[in-house]
N, C-alpha and C. Protein backbone atom coordinates (compact mmCIF):
# COMPACT_ATOMS: atom_id res chain seq x y z
N MET A 1 8.85 16.60 -7.58
CA MET A 1 8.21 15.74 -7.28
C MET A 1 6.87 15.82 -7.87
N GLN A 2 7.07 17.05 -8.51
CA GLN A 2 5.70 17.16 -9.76
C GLN A 2 5.91 16.54 -10.53
N ALA A 3 7.43 16.25 -11.13
CA ALA A 3 7.38 15.46 -12.45
C ALA A 3 7.25 14.23 -12.16
N ILE A 4 7.76 13.59 -10.56
CA ILE A 4 7.04 12.21 -10.55
C ILE A 4 5.75 11.84 -10.98
N GLY A 5 4.87 13.12 -9.98
CA GLY A 5 3.43 12.69 -9.86
C GLY A 5 2.88 12.90 -11.41
N ALA A 6 3.08 14.03 -12.48
CA ALA A 6 3.20 14.04 -13.47
C ALA A 6 3.44 12.63 -14.88
N GLU A 7 4.53 12.06 -14.43
CA GLU A 7 4.46 10.88 -14.70
C GLU A 7 3.86 9.67 -14.38
N PHE A 8 3.46 9.89 -13.02
CA PHE A 8 2.72 8.43 -12.59
C PHE A 8 0.95 8.97 -13.47
N ARG A 9 0.63 9.73 -13.37
CA ARG A 9 -0.83 9.92 -13.76
C ARG A 9 -0.50 9.51 -15.11
N GLU A 10 0.37 10.07 -16.25
CA GLU A 10 0.32 9.87 -17.52
C GLU A 10 0.30 8.46 -17.61
N LEU A 11 1.27 7.54 -16.88
CA LEU A 11 1.45 5.94 -16.96
C LEU A 11 0.04 5.27 -16.38
N THR A 12 -0.32 6.16 -15.49
CA THR A 12 -1.70 5.42 -14.92
C THR A 12 -2.83 5.22 -16.17
N LYS A 13 -2.82 6.62 -16.71
CA LYS A 13 -3.81 6.58 -18.04
C LYS A 13 -3.23 5.63 -19.04
N LYS A 14 -2.16 5.46 -19.56
CA LYS A 14 -1.76 3.97 -20.49
C LYS A 14 -2.40 2.95 -20.11
N ALA A 15 -1.99 2.81 -18.76
CA ALA A 15 -1.70 1.33 -18.06
C ALA A 15 -3.61 1.14 -18.36
N ARG A 16 -4.74 2.33 -18.10
CA ARG A 16 -6.03 1.82 -17.93
C ARG A 16 -6.76 1.62 -18.84
N SER A 17 -5.83 2.43 -20.07
CA SER A 17 -6.71 2.30 -21.53
C SER A 17 -5.78 1.42 -22.51
N GLY A 18 -4.78 0.62 -21.99
CA GLY A 18 -4.58 -0.83 -22.58
C GLY A 18 -3.47 -0.09 -23.37
N LYS A 19 -2.92 1.05 -23.36
CA LYS A 19 -1.70 1.42 -24.07
C LYS A 19 -0.35 1.55 -23.54
N ALA A 20 0.04 1.26 -22.56
CA ALA A 20 1.00 1.07 -21.97
C ALA A 20 2.03 0.02 -23.02
N ALA A 21 3.69 0.20 -22.95
CA ALA A 21 4.39 -0.79 -23.32
C ALA A 21 4.67 -1.53 -22.53
N PRO A 22 5.09 -2.32 -22.74
CA PRO A 22 5.74 -3.67 -22.02
C PRO A 22 6.80 -3.05 -20.89
N ASP A 23 7.99 -2.34 -22.15
CA ASP A 23 8.80 -2.08 -21.08
C ASP A 23 8.37 -0.60 -19.70
N GLU A 24 7.35 0.01 -20.32
CA GLU A 24 6.85 0.65 -19.15
C GLU A 24 5.97 0.16 -17.99
N LEU A 25 5.81 -0.95 -18.00
CA LEU A 25 5.48 -1.53 -16.97
C LEU A 25 6.13 -2.69 -16.07
N SER A 26 7.54 -3.01 -16.50
CA SER A 26 8.23 -3.79 -16.16
C SER A 26 9.22 -2.98 -15.05
N GLY A 27 10.56 -3.66 -14.36
CA GLY A 27 11.19 -3.34 -14.03
C GLY A 27 10.87 -2.94 -11.85
N SER A 28 9.69 -3.04 -11.70
CA SER A 28 9.63 -2.48 -10.61
C SER A 28 9.89 -3.71 -9.45
N THR A 29 10.44 -3.04 -8.32
CA THR A 29 10.69 -4.32 -7.22
C THR A 29 9.21 -4.05 -5.74
N PHE A 30 8.00 -3.55 -6.11
CA PHE A 30 7.31 -3.65 -5.19
C PHE A 30 5.95 -3.24 -5.69
N SER A 31 4.97 -3.39 -5.50
CA SER A 31 3.32 -3.34 -5.67
C SER A 31 2.39 -3.07 -4.91
N ILE A 32 1.46 -2.02 -5.23
CA ILE A 32 0.23 -2.35 -3.95
C ILE A 32 -0.74 -2.40 -5.28
N SER A 33 -1.48 -3.59 -4.43
CA SER A 33 -2.88 -4.00 -5.01
C SER A 33 -4.17 -3.70 -3.93
N SER A 34 -5.30 -3.04 -4.87
CA SER A 34 -6.12 -2.41 -3.73
C SER A 34 -7.67 -3.30 -4.07
N LEU A 35 -8.02 -3.90 -3.25
CA LEU A 35 -9.53 -4.87 -3.70
C LEU A 35 -10.88 -3.88 -3.13
N GLY A 36 -10.22 -2.47 -2.15
CA GLY A 36 -11.08 -1.99 -1.22
C GLY A 36 -12.56 -1.26 -2.21
N THR A 37 -12.55 -1.35 -3.76
CA THR A 37 -13.33 -0.78 -4.55
C THR A 37 -14.29 -1.87 -4.91
N PHE A 38 -13.79 -3.01 -4.81
CA PHE A 38 -14.37 -4.36 -4.67
C PHE A 38 -14.98 -4.85 -3.15
N ARG A 39 -15.55 -3.72 -2.38
CA ARG A 39 -15.90 -4.36 -0.75
C ARG A 39 -15.02 -5.12 -0.35
N VAL A 40 -14.00 -5.51 -0.73
CA VAL A 40 -13.20 -6.55 -0.27
C VAL A 40 -12.50 -6.15 1.01
N ASP A 41 -12.82 -6.32 2.41
CA ASP A 41 -12.13 -6.07 3.60
C ASP A 41 -10.42 -6.41 3.38
N ALA A 42 -10.19 -7.82 3.43
CA ALA A 42 -8.85 -7.69 3.83
C ALA A 42 -8.82 -8.93 2.80
N PHE A 43 -7.28 -9.19 2.32
CA PHE A 43 -6.73 -10.71 1.55
C PHE A 43 -5.22 -10.58 1.53
N THR A 44 -5.00 -11.50 0.62
CA THR A 44 -3.60 -12.02 0.77
C THR A 44 -3.01 -12.06 -0.44
N PRO A 45 -2.50 -10.67 -1.02
CA PRO A 45 -2.03 -10.36 -2.16
C PRO A 45 -0.66 -11.21 -2.59
N VAL A 46 -0.36 -11.65 -3.77
CA VAL A 46 0.64 -12.65 -4.07
C VAL A 46 1.67 -11.84 -4.86
N ILE A 47 2.81 -12.22 -4.32
CA ILE A 47 3.88 -11.49 -4.80
C ILE A 47 4.35 -11.36 -6.36
N ASN A 48 4.19 -10.60 -7.52
CA ASN A 48 4.88 -10.58 -8.74
C ASN A 48 6.31 -10.72 -8.90
N LEU A 49 6.47 -12.24 -9.18
CA LEU A 49 7.81 -12.24 -9.31
C LEU A 49 8.46 -11.51 -10.32
N PRO A 50 9.98 -10.39 -10.12
CA PRO A 50 10.84 -10.75 -9.60
C PRO A 50 10.83 -10.02 -8.30
N GLU A 51 9.79 -9.24 -7.87
CA GLU A 51 9.37 -8.05 -7.42
C GLU A 51 9.79 -8.84 -5.84
N ALA A 52 10.09 -7.63 -4.74
CA ALA A 52 10.63 -8.35 -3.51
C ALA A 52 8.86 -7.81 -2.52
N ALA A 53 8.08 -7.69 -2.80
CA ALA A 53 6.99 -7.48 -1.82
C ALA A 53 5.80 -6.79 -2.74
N ILE A 54 4.68 -7.05 -1.96
CA ILE A 54 3.14 -6.34 -2.56
C ILE A 54 2.75 -6.24 -1.01
N LEU A 55 2.10 -4.97 -0.78
CA LEU A 55 1.08 -4.43 -0.49
C LEU A 55 -0.43 -4.54 -0.95
N GLY A 56 -1.23 -5.21 0.25
CA GLY A 56 -2.65 -5.15 -0.18
C GLY A 56 -3.23 -4.30 0.65
N VAL A 57 -4.27 -3.59 0.19
CA VAL A 57 -5.08 -2.44 0.71
C VAL A 57 -6.60 -2.74 0.18
N GLY A 58 -7.37 -3.23 1.73
CA GLY A 58 -8.57 -3.36 1.54
C GLY A 58 -9.36 -1.90 1.71
N ARG A 59 -10.95 -2.35 1.95
CA ARG A 59 -11.48 -1.06 1.85
C ARG A 59 -11.54 -0.46 3.08
N ILE A 60 -12.06 0.49 3.24
CA ILE A 60 -12.17 1.56 4.56
C ILE A 60 -13.48 1.58 4.92
N LYS A 61 -13.45 1.27 6.11
CA LYS A 61 -15.09 0.53 6.56
C LYS A 61 -15.22 1.51 8.22
N GLU A 62 -16.24 1.82 8.60
CA GLU A 62 -16.66 2.19 9.92
C GLU A 62 -16.80 1.26 10.68
N LYS A 63 -15.95 1.30 11.87
CA LYS A 63 -15.98 -0.30 12.62
C LYS A 63 -16.07 0.52 13.78
N PRO A 64 -16.31 -0.47 14.98
CA PRO A 64 -16.51 0.40 16.67
C PRO A 64 -14.75 -0.23 17.34
N VAL A 65 -14.08 0.98 17.84
CA VAL A 65 -12.85 0.35 18.16
C VAL A 65 -12.79 1.31 19.66
N VAL A 66 -11.72 1.03 20.47
CA VAL A 66 -11.75 1.45 21.62
C VAL A 66 -10.58 2.74 21.78
N LYS A 67 -10.87 3.72 21.97
CA LYS A 67 -10.04 4.97 21.94
C LYS A 67 -10.29 5.53 23.10
N ASP A 68 -9.08 5.80 24.17
CA ASP A 68 -9.23 6.48 25.31
C ASP A 68 -10.24 5.65 26.35
N GLY A 69 -10.32 4.49 26.19
CA GLY A 69 -11.51 3.87 27.16
C GLY A 69 -12.75 3.58 26.43
N GLU A 70 -13.00 4.54 25.24
CA GLU A 70 -14.43 4.15 25.21
C GLU A 70 -14.65 4.03 23.73
N ILE A 71 -15.58 3.33 23.49
CA ILE A 71 -15.69 2.62 22.31
C ILE A 71 -16.45 3.56 21.34
N VAL A 72 -16.02 3.80 20.16
CA VAL A 72 -16.10 4.87 19.17
C VAL A 72 -16.34 4.36 17.72
N ILE A 73 -16.79 5.09 17.11
CA ILE A 73 -17.08 4.51 15.82
C ILE A 73 -15.58 5.38 14.88
N ARG A 74 -15.18 4.40 14.03
CA ARG A 74 -13.49 4.75 13.13
C ARG A 74 -13.84 4.19 11.92
N LYS A 75 -12.89 4.85 11.11
CA LYS A 75 -13.15 4.25 9.45
C LYS A 75 -11.55 3.43 9.95
N MET A 76 -11.75 2.41 9.25
CA MET A 76 -10.67 1.20 9.59
C MET A 76 -10.40 1.16 8.21
N MET A 77 -9.16 0.18 8.07
CA MET A 77 -8.85 -0.52 7.03
C MET A 77 -7.38 -1.36 7.43
N THR A 78 -7.91 -2.49 6.48
CA THR A 78 -6.87 -3.37 6.28
C THR A 78 -5.43 -3.63 5.58
N LEU A 79 -4.52 -3.47 6.17
CA LEU A 79 -3.13 -3.68 4.98
C LEU A 79 -2.72 -5.04 4.88
N SER A 80 -2.47 -5.61 4.37
CA SER A 80 -1.50 -6.83 4.31
C SER A 80 0.00 -6.53 3.54
N LEU A 81 0.85 -6.94 4.12
CA LEU A 81 2.08 -7.30 3.34
C LEU A 81 2.79 -8.36 3.35
N VAL A 82 3.14 -8.72 2.02
CA VAL A 82 3.43 -10.16 1.77
C VAL A 82 4.93 -9.25 0.98
N PHE A 83 6.00 -10.13 1.90
CA PHE A 83 7.14 -9.95 0.96
C PHE A 83 8.03 -11.56 1.11
N ASP A 84 9.35 -11.36 0.20
CA ASP A 84 9.82 -12.24 0.11
C ASP A 84 11.28 -12.51 1.15
N HIS A 85 10.95 -13.67 2.09
CA HIS A 85 12.03 -13.81 2.98
C HIS A 85 13.18 -14.23 2.62
N ARG A 86 13.43 -14.12 1.71
CA ARG A 86 14.65 -14.84 0.94
C ARG A 86 15.51 -12.96 1.22
N LEU A 87 14.67 -12.02 0.86
CA LEU A 87 15.26 -10.72 0.67
C LEU A 87 15.49 -9.67 2.00
N THR A 88 14.26 -10.27 2.96
CA THR A 88 14.60 -9.74 4.30
C THR A 88 13.74 -10.46 5.15
N ASP A 89 14.07 -9.78 6.21
CA ASP A 89 13.40 -10.76 7.28
C ASP A 89 12.21 -10.25 8.01
N GLY A 90 11.02 -10.75 8.91
CA GLY A 90 10.17 -10.18 9.57
C GLY A 90 10.06 -8.65 10.07
N ALA A 91 11.12 -8.66 11.04
CA ALA A 91 11.25 -7.25 11.87
C ALA A 91 11.42 -6.21 11.11
N PRO A 92 12.10 -6.02 10.05
CA PRO A 92 12.03 -4.88 9.27
C PRO A 92 10.77 -4.96 8.50
N ALA A 93 10.64 -5.57 8.06
CA ALA A 93 9.19 -5.95 7.03
C ALA A 93 8.01 -5.36 7.92
N ALA A 94 7.98 -5.70 9.04
CA ALA A 94 6.76 -5.34 10.06
C ALA A 94 6.87 -3.52 10.51
N ARG A 95 8.62 -3.28 10.68
CA ARG A 95 8.72 -2.00 10.68
C ARG A 95 8.42 -1.05 9.84
N PHE A 96 8.48 -1.56 8.61
CA PHE A 96 8.38 -1.05 7.12
C PHE A 96 6.07 -1.08 7.27
N LEU A 97 5.87 -1.85 7.49
CA LEU A 97 4.35 -1.64 7.78
C LEU A 97 3.95 -0.92 8.77
N ASP A 98 4.17 -0.77 9.83
CA ASP A 98 4.21 -0.01 10.64
C ASP A 98 4.15 1.44 10.56
N TYR A 99 5.38 2.02 9.52
CA TYR A 99 5.72 2.97 9.15
C TYR A 99 4.28 3.42 8.27
N ILE A 100 4.09 2.66 7.36
CA ILE A 100 3.12 2.68 6.43
C ILE A 100 1.93 3.31 7.06
N CYS A 101 1.47 2.60 8.18
CA CYS A 101 0.25 3.04 9.30
C CYS A 101 0.24 4.03 9.50
N ASP A 102 1.46 4.77 10.07
CA ASP A 102 1.97 5.81 10.78
C ASP A 102 1.32 6.86 9.43
N LEU A 103 1.64 6.55 8.04
CA LEU A 103 1.88 7.45 7.25
C LEU A 103 -0.10 7.61 6.90
N VAL A 104 -0.85 6.52 7.22
CA VAL A 104 -2.18 6.88 6.46
C VAL A 104 -2.81 7.22 7.65
N GLU A 105 -2.40 6.96 9.20
CA GLU A 105 -3.32 7.60 9.93
C GLU A 105 -2.90 9.39 10.25
N ASP A 106 -1.52 9.72 9.59
CA ASP A 106 -0.96 10.85 9.71
C ASP A 106 -0.35 11.16 8.47
N PRO A 107 -0.84 11.44 7.73
CA PRO A 107 -0.19 12.04 6.15
C PRO A 107 1.09 12.78 6.35
N ALA A 108 0.65 13.93 7.29
CA ALA A 108 1.99 15.25 7.41
C ALA A 108 3.24 14.52 7.80
N MET A 109 3.11 13.23 8.50
CA MET A 109 4.45 12.62 8.62
C MET A 109 5.43 12.35 7.33
N LEU A 110 4.87 12.20 6.20
CA LEU A 110 5.78 12.34 5.15
C LEU A 110 6.78 13.67 4.89
N PHE A 111 6.34 14.52 6.02
CA PHE A 111 7.35 15.74 5.47
C PHE A 111 8.12 15.76 7.10
N ILE A 112 8.16 14.58 7.81
CA ILE A 112 8.98 14.57 8.55
C ILE A 112 10.22 13.75 8.89
N ALA A 113 11.61 14.04 9.22
CA ALA A 113 12.50 12.81 8.67
C ALA A 113 12.16 12.00 9.98
N ARG A 114 12.75 10.70 8.94
CA ARG A 114 12.59 9.50 10.17
C ARG A 114 13.98 8.71 10.06
N ARG A 115 14.60 8.39 11.50
CA ARG A 115 15.66 8.02 11.18
C ARG A 115 15.35 6.27 11.81
């Protein structure tokens, strides 16, 4: 896992400095696009063909929500999953997005086996 993290950081550094080779930036099947740093709450990302899906991540913003019957202020974020319907159906995609939400709400779940 540490090797993947180191490779990710190195590739990110190369991409941001414009020094990544085309073959280092190809072959993916899934992208994540975040516009939260631009104060965008929600958006619909466009799939980078031939990828299968893309996850759009909006900014984290305090909002009133109902919890245990009371209105409280919580940090909220909008996620938008766009996927190629030729490759998967809506139900499995929705389960995947639900799983991502679970991980964002409780990162310790990364270490729990899910069936």
